N, C-alpha and C. Protein backbone atom coordinates (compact mmCIF):
# COMPACT_ATOMS: atom_id res chain seq x y z
N MET A 1 81.83 102.78 50.39
CA MET A 1 80.53 102.62 49.75
C MET A 1 79.56 102.03 50.78
N ASP A 2 78.41 102.66 50.92
CA ASP A 2 77.42 102.17 51.88
C ASP A 2 76.41 101.25 51.18
N MET A 3 75.44 100.78 51.93
CA MET A 3 74.47 99.83 51.39
C MET A 3 73.66 100.41 50.24
N LYS A 4 73.26 101.66 50.35
CA LYS A 4 72.48 102.29 49.29
C LYS A 4 73.32 102.43 48.02
N GLN A 5 74.56 102.80 48.17
CA GLN A 5 75.45 102.94 47.02
C GLN A 5 75.68 101.60 46.33
N LEU A 6 75.79 100.53 47.10
CA LEU A 6 75.93 99.20 46.50
C LEU A 6 74.75 98.90 45.58
N ARG A 7 73.56 99.21 46.06
CA ARG A 7 72.35 98.95 45.29
C ARG A 7 72.25 99.88 44.08
N GLU A 8 72.48 101.15 44.31
CA GLU A 8 72.29 102.14 43.25
C GLU A 8 73.29 102.00 42.10
N ARG A 9 74.48 101.51 42.39
CA ARG A 9 75.46 101.37 41.31
C ARG A 9 75.01 100.34 40.27
N LEU A 10 74.07 99.49 40.65
CA LEU A 10 73.53 98.48 39.74
C LEU A 10 72.13 98.85 39.24
N ASN A 11 71.70 100.05 39.58
CA ASN A 11 70.37 100.53 39.18
C ASN A 11 69.25 99.60 39.63
N LEU A 12 69.38 99.09 40.84
CA LEU A 12 68.35 98.23 41.42
C LEU A 12 67.46 99.05 42.33
N ARG A 13 66.21 98.65 42.42
CA ARG A 13 65.28 99.26 43.37
C ARG A 13 65.29 98.43 44.65
N THR A 14 64.86 99.02 45.74
CA THR A 14 64.81 98.28 47.00
C THR A 14 63.92 97.05 46.88
N VAL A 15 62.85 97.17 46.13
CA VAL A 15 61.95 96.03 45.94
C VAL A 15 62.64 94.89 45.18
N ASP A 16 63.54 95.24 44.26
CA ASP A 16 64.28 94.21 43.52
C ASP A 16 65.18 93.42 44.46
N VAL A 17 65.89 94.14 45.31
CA VAL A 17 66.79 93.49 46.27
C VAL A 17 65.99 92.62 47.23
N ALA A 18 64.91 93.16 47.75
CA ALA A 18 64.09 92.43 48.70
C ALA A 18 63.58 91.12 48.11
N SER A 19 63.10 91.15 46.88
CA SER A 19 62.54 89.94 46.28
C SER A 19 63.63 88.91 45.97
N LYS A 20 64.80 89.37 45.57
CA LYS A 20 65.90 88.43 45.24
C LYS A 20 66.46 87.77 46.49
N VAL A 21 66.47 88.50 47.61
CA VAL A 21 67.06 87.99 48.83
C VAL A 21 66.04 87.30 49.73
N GLY A 22 64.77 87.65 49.56
CA GLY A 22 63.73 87.02 50.36
C GLY A 22 63.46 87.73 51.67
N VAL A 23 63.50 89.06 51.63
CA VAL A 23 63.20 89.87 52.81
C VAL A 23 62.18 90.94 52.41
N GLY A 24 61.70 91.67 53.39
CA GLY A 24 60.78 92.75 53.11
C GLY A 24 61.51 93.98 52.59
N GLU A 25 60.82 94.75 51.78
CA GLU A 25 61.42 95.97 51.24
C GLU A 25 61.81 96.93 52.36
N SER A 26 61.03 96.96 53.43
CA SER A 26 61.35 97.84 54.56
C SER A 26 62.68 97.44 55.21
N SER A 27 63.00 96.15 55.18
CA SER A 27 64.28 95.70 55.72
C SER A 27 65.43 96.31 54.93
N VAL A 28 65.32 96.27 53.61
CA VAL A 28 66.37 96.83 52.76
C VAL A 28 66.52 98.33 53.03
N ARG A 29 65.41 99.03 53.13
CA ARG A 29 65.46 100.47 53.41
C ARG A 29 66.11 100.74 54.77
N ASN A 30 65.78 99.92 55.76
CA ASN A 30 66.37 100.09 57.09
C ASN A 30 67.88 99.83 57.08
N TRP A 31 68.34 98.84 56.32
CA TRP A 31 69.78 98.59 56.19
C TRP A 31 70.46 99.82 55.61
N GLU A 32 69.85 100.37 54.56
CA GLU A 32 70.45 101.50 53.87
C GLU A 32 70.51 102.75 54.74
N LYS A 33 69.53 102.90 55.61
CA LYS A 33 69.51 104.07 56.50
C LYS A 33 70.31 103.83 57.77
N GLY A 34 70.90 102.66 57.91
CA GLY A 34 71.71 102.35 59.07
C GLY A 34 70.92 102.10 60.33
N ARG A 35 69.62 101.87 60.18
CA ARG A 35 68.76 101.62 61.35
C ARG A 35 68.93 100.20 61.88
N THR A 36 69.13 99.26 60.96
CA THR A 36 69.32 97.86 61.34
C THR A 36 70.43 97.26 60.49
N ILE A 37 70.93 96.13 60.94
CA ILE A 37 71.92 95.41 60.14
C ILE A 37 71.23 94.19 59.53
N PRO A 38 71.71 93.74 58.38
CA PRO A 38 71.10 92.55 57.78
C PRO A 38 71.26 91.33 58.69
N LYS A 39 70.17 90.71 59.02
CA LYS A 39 70.19 89.46 59.79
C LYS A 39 69.64 88.39 58.86
N LEU A 40 70.56 87.80 58.11
CA LEU A 40 70.18 86.89 57.03
C LEU A 40 70.73 85.49 57.25
N ARG A 41 70.05 84.52 56.66
CA ARG A 41 70.60 83.16 56.59
C ARG A 41 71.80 83.19 55.66
N ILE A 42 72.63 82.18 55.72
CA ILE A 42 73.84 82.14 54.89
C ILE A 42 73.50 82.16 53.40
N ASP A 43 72.42 81.49 53.00
CA ASP A 43 72.05 81.51 51.59
C ASP A 43 71.57 82.89 51.15
N GLN A 44 70.92 83.61 52.05
CA GLN A 44 70.47 84.96 51.74
C GLN A 44 71.66 85.92 51.65
N THR A 45 72.63 85.72 52.55
CA THR A 45 73.84 86.55 52.51
C THR A 45 74.58 86.32 51.20
N ALA A 46 74.69 85.06 50.80
CA ALA A 46 75.35 84.74 49.54
C ALA A 46 74.60 85.36 48.36
N ALA A 47 73.27 85.32 48.40
CA ALA A 47 72.47 85.90 47.32
C ALA A 47 72.67 87.41 47.27
N LEU A 48 72.76 88.06 48.43
CA LEU A 48 72.95 89.51 48.47
C LEU A 48 74.33 89.88 47.91
N CYS A 49 75.35 89.13 48.29
CA CYS A 49 76.70 89.38 47.76
C CYS A 49 76.74 89.17 46.25
N LYS A 50 76.11 88.12 45.80
CA LYS A 50 76.08 87.85 44.36
C LYS A 50 75.33 88.95 43.61
N LEU A 51 74.20 89.35 44.15
CA LEU A 51 73.40 90.40 43.53
C LEU A 51 74.19 91.71 43.43
N TYR A 52 74.88 92.06 44.50
CA TYR A 52 75.65 93.30 44.54
C TYR A 52 77.03 93.16 43.89
N GLY A 53 77.44 91.93 43.61
CA GLY A 53 78.76 91.72 43.01
C GLY A 53 79.88 92.11 43.96
N CYS A 54 79.72 91.73 45.22
CA CYS A 54 80.72 92.11 46.22
C CYS A 54 81.07 90.90 47.09
N SER A 55 82.16 91.03 47.81
CA SER A 55 82.57 89.99 48.76
C SER A 55 81.85 90.21 50.09
N ILE A 56 81.96 89.24 50.96
CA ILE A 56 81.37 89.38 52.29
C ILE A 56 82.05 90.51 53.06
N GLU A 57 83.33 90.70 52.83
CA GLU A 57 84.07 91.78 53.48
C GLU A 57 83.56 93.14 52.99
N GLU A 58 83.31 93.26 51.70
CA GLU A 58 82.78 94.51 51.16
C GLU A 58 81.37 94.79 51.68
N LEU A 59 80.58 93.74 51.80
CA LEU A 59 79.24 93.89 52.35
C LEU A 59 79.31 94.34 53.81
N ASP A 60 80.19 93.73 54.57
CA ASP A 60 80.39 94.11 55.97
C ASP A 60 80.79 95.58 56.08
N GLN A 61 81.70 96.02 55.22
CA GLN A 61 82.13 97.42 55.24
C GLN A 61 80.98 98.36 54.88
N ALA A 62 80.16 97.96 53.91
CA ALA A 62 79.02 98.78 53.50
C ALA A 62 78.01 98.93 54.64
N VAL A 63 77.79 97.84 55.39
CA VAL A 63 76.89 97.91 56.54
C VAL A 63 77.45 98.89 57.57
N LYS A 64 78.74 98.79 57.84
CA LYS A 64 79.37 99.69 58.81
C LYS A 64 79.29 101.14 58.37
N GLU A 65 79.48 101.40 57.09
CA GLU A 65 79.39 102.77 56.57
C GLU A 65 77.97 103.31 56.67
N SER A 66 76.98 102.47 56.41
CA SER A 66 75.59 102.90 56.54
C SER A 66 75.27 103.29 57.98
N ILE A 67 75.75 102.49 58.93
CA ILE A 67 75.52 102.79 60.33
C ILE A 67 76.24 104.08 60.74
N ALA A 68 77.47 104.23 60.26
CA ALA A 68 78.23 105.45 60.57
C ALA A 68 77.54 106.68 59.98
N ASN A 69 77.04 106.58 58.78
CA ASN A 69 76.34 107.69 58.15
C ASN A 69 75.10 108.06 58.93
N ALA A 70 74.39 107.07 59.43
CA ALA A 70 73.17 107.32 60.20
C ALA A 70 73.48 108.05 61.49
N SER A 71 74.57 107.66 62.13
CA SER A 71 74.90 108.28 63.41
C SER A 71 75.36 109.72 63.24
N GLN A 72 75.85 110.08 62.08
CA GLN A 72 76.25 111.46 61.80
C GLN A 72 75.07 112.40 61.81
N TYR A 73 73.90 111.87 61.41
CA TYR A 73 72.72 112.71 61.27
C TYR A 73 71.81 112.69 62.48
N GLN A 74 72.18 111.95 63.51
CA GLN A 74 71.36 111.90 64.72
C GLN A 74 71.76 113.03 65.66
N ASP A 75 70.82 113.82 66.02
CA ASP A 75 71.04 114.89 67.00
C ASP A 75 69.74 115.37 67.57
């Protein structure tokens, strides 16, 4: 499951995630597209895990999958 799938399974919008975690909506979109990785404070990371209902390990795997998906489409 990638970052976008984590969000979509809860029917959240990117703006919802951004406001709950305290980042810009463009940051969330960039994470989902595998352009950047989340660079968050520990409290923001905890908030993101809580929001998505996942562990830090699951979040890490989702970030890796998003990056892998992005690299598949680069040519």
